[in-house]
Amino acid sequence: MTRKSMRSALNASLEAEDEAVRNRFEKAESLLGEKPPVGEQLVDTVPVVKEQSKKERVIRDSFTLPSRDYELITAVRQRCLNSAVNINKSEVIRAGLYALMEMSEEDLIDLGNNLEKVKTGRPTEKL
């Protein structure tokens, strides 16, 4: 997979996420705009108790990256900031995963085979 197609896949993923955020704000604004004035509220209405959904479990993990790849995370974050979107490192990684899921099997395998292999684990401490 070429860098250009990988960039376009990541951009498409980021645009979809941005569109979803805009839709959520529009929905919230429409709901907030339809509140009846305080004096006109119905007396016999029962407040609806929302069922509390379980939050999805978040998993903390660590991994090893070459410094060039770590700099790419910073570059993606800066590009987002240039568009007034604040995104953290975890969100950059997650967006990349969504973009990878959109790739064809062939492109994904090619990308995996062309990645630089790095030694995993923590460096040994020298005394």
Protein backbone atom coordinates (compact mmCIF):
# COMPACT_ATOMS: atom_id res chain seq x y z
CA MET A 1 0.00 0.00 0.00
CA THR A 2 1.35 3.37 -0.90
CA ARG A 3 1.68 6.22 1.55
CA LYS A 4 -0.82 8.21 -0.45
CA SER A 5 -3.54 5.56 -0.15
CA MET A 6 -2.72 5.07 3.54
CA ARG A 7 -3.03 8.82 4.06
CA SER A 8 -6.34 8.92 2.24
CA ALA A 9 -7.66 6.03 4.35
CA LEU A 10 -6.61 7.79 7.54
CA ASN A 11 -8.06 11.09 6.34
CA ALA A 12 -11.34 9.37 5.50
CA SER A 13 -11.43 7.88 8.99
CA LEU A 14 -10.74 11.25 10.60
CA GLU A 15 -13.38 12.96 8.46
CA ALA A 16 -15.95 10.33 9.42
CA GLU A 17 -15.16 10.87 13.10
CA ASP A 18 -15.42 14.66 12.66
CA GLU A 19 -18.79 14.25 10.90
CA ALA A 20 -20.04 12.05 13.75
CA VAL A 21 -19.08 14.74 16.28
CA ARG A 22 -20.86 17.42 14.25
CA ASN A 23 -23.99 15.23 14.08
CA ARG A 24 -23.94 14.72 17.86
CA PHE A 25 -23.73 18.48 18.43
CA GLU A 26 -26.57 19.14 15.99
CA LYS A 27 -28.73 16.53 17.72
CA ALA A 28 -27.95 17.99 21.15
CA GLU A 29 -28.74 21.51 19.97
CA SER A 30 -32.04 20.39 18.46
CA LEU A 31 -33.01 18.64 21.70
CA LEU A 32 -32.03 21.61 23.84
CA GLY A 33 -33.87 24.00 21.55
CA GLU A 34 -37.19 22.16 22.04
CA LYS A 35 -37.49 22.64 25.82
CA PRO A 36 -40.86 24.11 26.80
CA PRO A 37 -40.78 27.31 28.85
CA VAL A 38 -40.66 26.69 32.61
CA GLY A 39 -44.29 27.74 33.23
CA GLU A 40 -45.67 25.45 30.50
CA GLN A 41 -44.26 22.14 31.74
CA LEU A 42 -46.85 19.46 32.34
CA VAL A 43 -47.43 18.57 35.97
CA ASP A 44 -48.27 14.91 35.42
CA THR A 45 -45.18 14.05 33.39
CA VAL A 46 -42.88 11.50 34.95
CA PRO A 47 -39.18 12.03 34.45
CA VAL A 48 -37.66 9.31 32.32
CA VAL A 49 -34.81 7.50 34.02
CA LYS A 50 -32.24 6.46 31.48
CA GLU A 51 -30.90 2.98 31.84
CA GLN A 52 -27.26 3.27 32.74
CA SER A 53 -25.28 1.42 30.17
CA LYS A 54 -22.08 -0.23 31.20
CA LYS A 55 -19.05 1.67 30.06
CA GLU A 56 -16.85 -0.22 27.69
CA ARG A 57 -13.80 -1.56 29.44
CA VAL A 58 -10.66 0.36 28.58
CA ILE A 59 -7.44 -1.60 28.37
CA ARG A 60 -4.11 -0.01 29.17
CA ASP A 61 -1.20 -1.35 27.16
CA SER A 62 2.31 -0.36 26.18
CA PHE A 63 4.27 -1.04 23.04
CA THR A 64 7.55 -0.23 21.36
CA LEU A 65 7.79 2.18 18.42
CA PRO A 66 10.70 3.47 16.40
CA SER A 67 11.23 7.19 17.01
CA ARG A 68 10.17 7.97 13.42
CA ASP A 69 6.77 6.37 14.03
CA TYR A 70 6.37 8.23 17.30
CA GLU A 71 7.08 11.46 15.42
CA LEU A 72 4.30 10.51 12.98
CA ILE A 73 1.84 10.51 15.87
CA THR A 74 2.92 14.05 16.72
CA ALA A 75 2.60 15.07 13.07
CA VAL A 76 -0.95 13.67 12.83
CA ARG A 77 -1.91 15.43 16.06
CA GLN A 78 -0.53 18.71 14.69
CA ARG A 79 -2.48 18.30 11.44
CA CYS A 80 -5.64 17.82 13.48
CA LEU A 81 -4.85 20.86 15.61
CA ASN A 82 -4.40 22.90 12.43
CA SER A 83 -8.04 22.00 11.68
CA ALA A 84 -9.10 22.93 15.24
CA VAL A 85 -9.53 19.29 16.30
CA ASN A 86 -7.72 18.19 19.44
CA ILE A 87 -6.83 14.50 19.30
CA ASN A 88 -4.65 12.59 21.74
CA LYS A 89 -2.10 9.87 21.00
CA SER A 90 -4.52 7.09 21.84
CA GLU A 91 -7.11 8.50 19.44
CA VAL A 92 -4.49 8.72 16.67
CA ILE A 93 -3.67 5.04 17.16
CA ARG A 94 -7.35 4.09 17.24
CA ALA A 95 -8.06 6.10 14.06
CA GLY A 96 -5.17 4.31 12.39
CA LEU A 97 -6.64 0.96 13.43
CA TYR A 98 -9.98 1.88 11.89
CA ALA A 99 -8.20 2.92 8.70
CA LEU A 100 -6.33 -0.41 8.66
CA MET A 101 -9.63 -2.27 8.97
CA GLU A 102 -10.83 -0.55 5.80
CA MET A 103 -7.83 -1.81 3.79
CA SER A 104 -7.94 -4.82 1.54
CA GLU A 105 -6.26 -7.99 2.81
CA GLU A 106 -3.53 -7.66 0.19
CA ASP A 107 -2.70 -4.06 1.13
CA LEU A 108 -2.75 -4.89 4.83
CA ILE A 109 -0.37 -7.85 4.37
CA ASP A 110 1.96 -5.73 2.21
CA LEU A 111 2.01 -3.01 4.84
CA GLY A 112 2.73 -5.51 7.62
CA ASN A 113 5.54 -7.12 5.64
CA ASN A 114 7.15 -3.74 4.89
CA LEU A 115 7.17 -2.48 8.48
CA GLU A 116 10.50 -2.20 10.21
CA LYS A 117 10.83 -4.93 12.83
CA VAL A 118 11.79 -3.58 16.25
CA LYS A 119 13.08 -5.29 19.35
CA THR A 120 10.28 -5.49 21.90
CA GLY A 121 10.54 -4.91 25.62
CA ARG A 122 12.28 -2.39 27.77
CA PRO A 123 15.97 -1.62 27.42
CA THR A 124 18.22 -3.11 30.08
CA GLU A 125 19.35 -0.75 32.80
CA LYS A 126 23.06 -0.09 32.93
CA LEU A 127 24.54 0.52 36.37
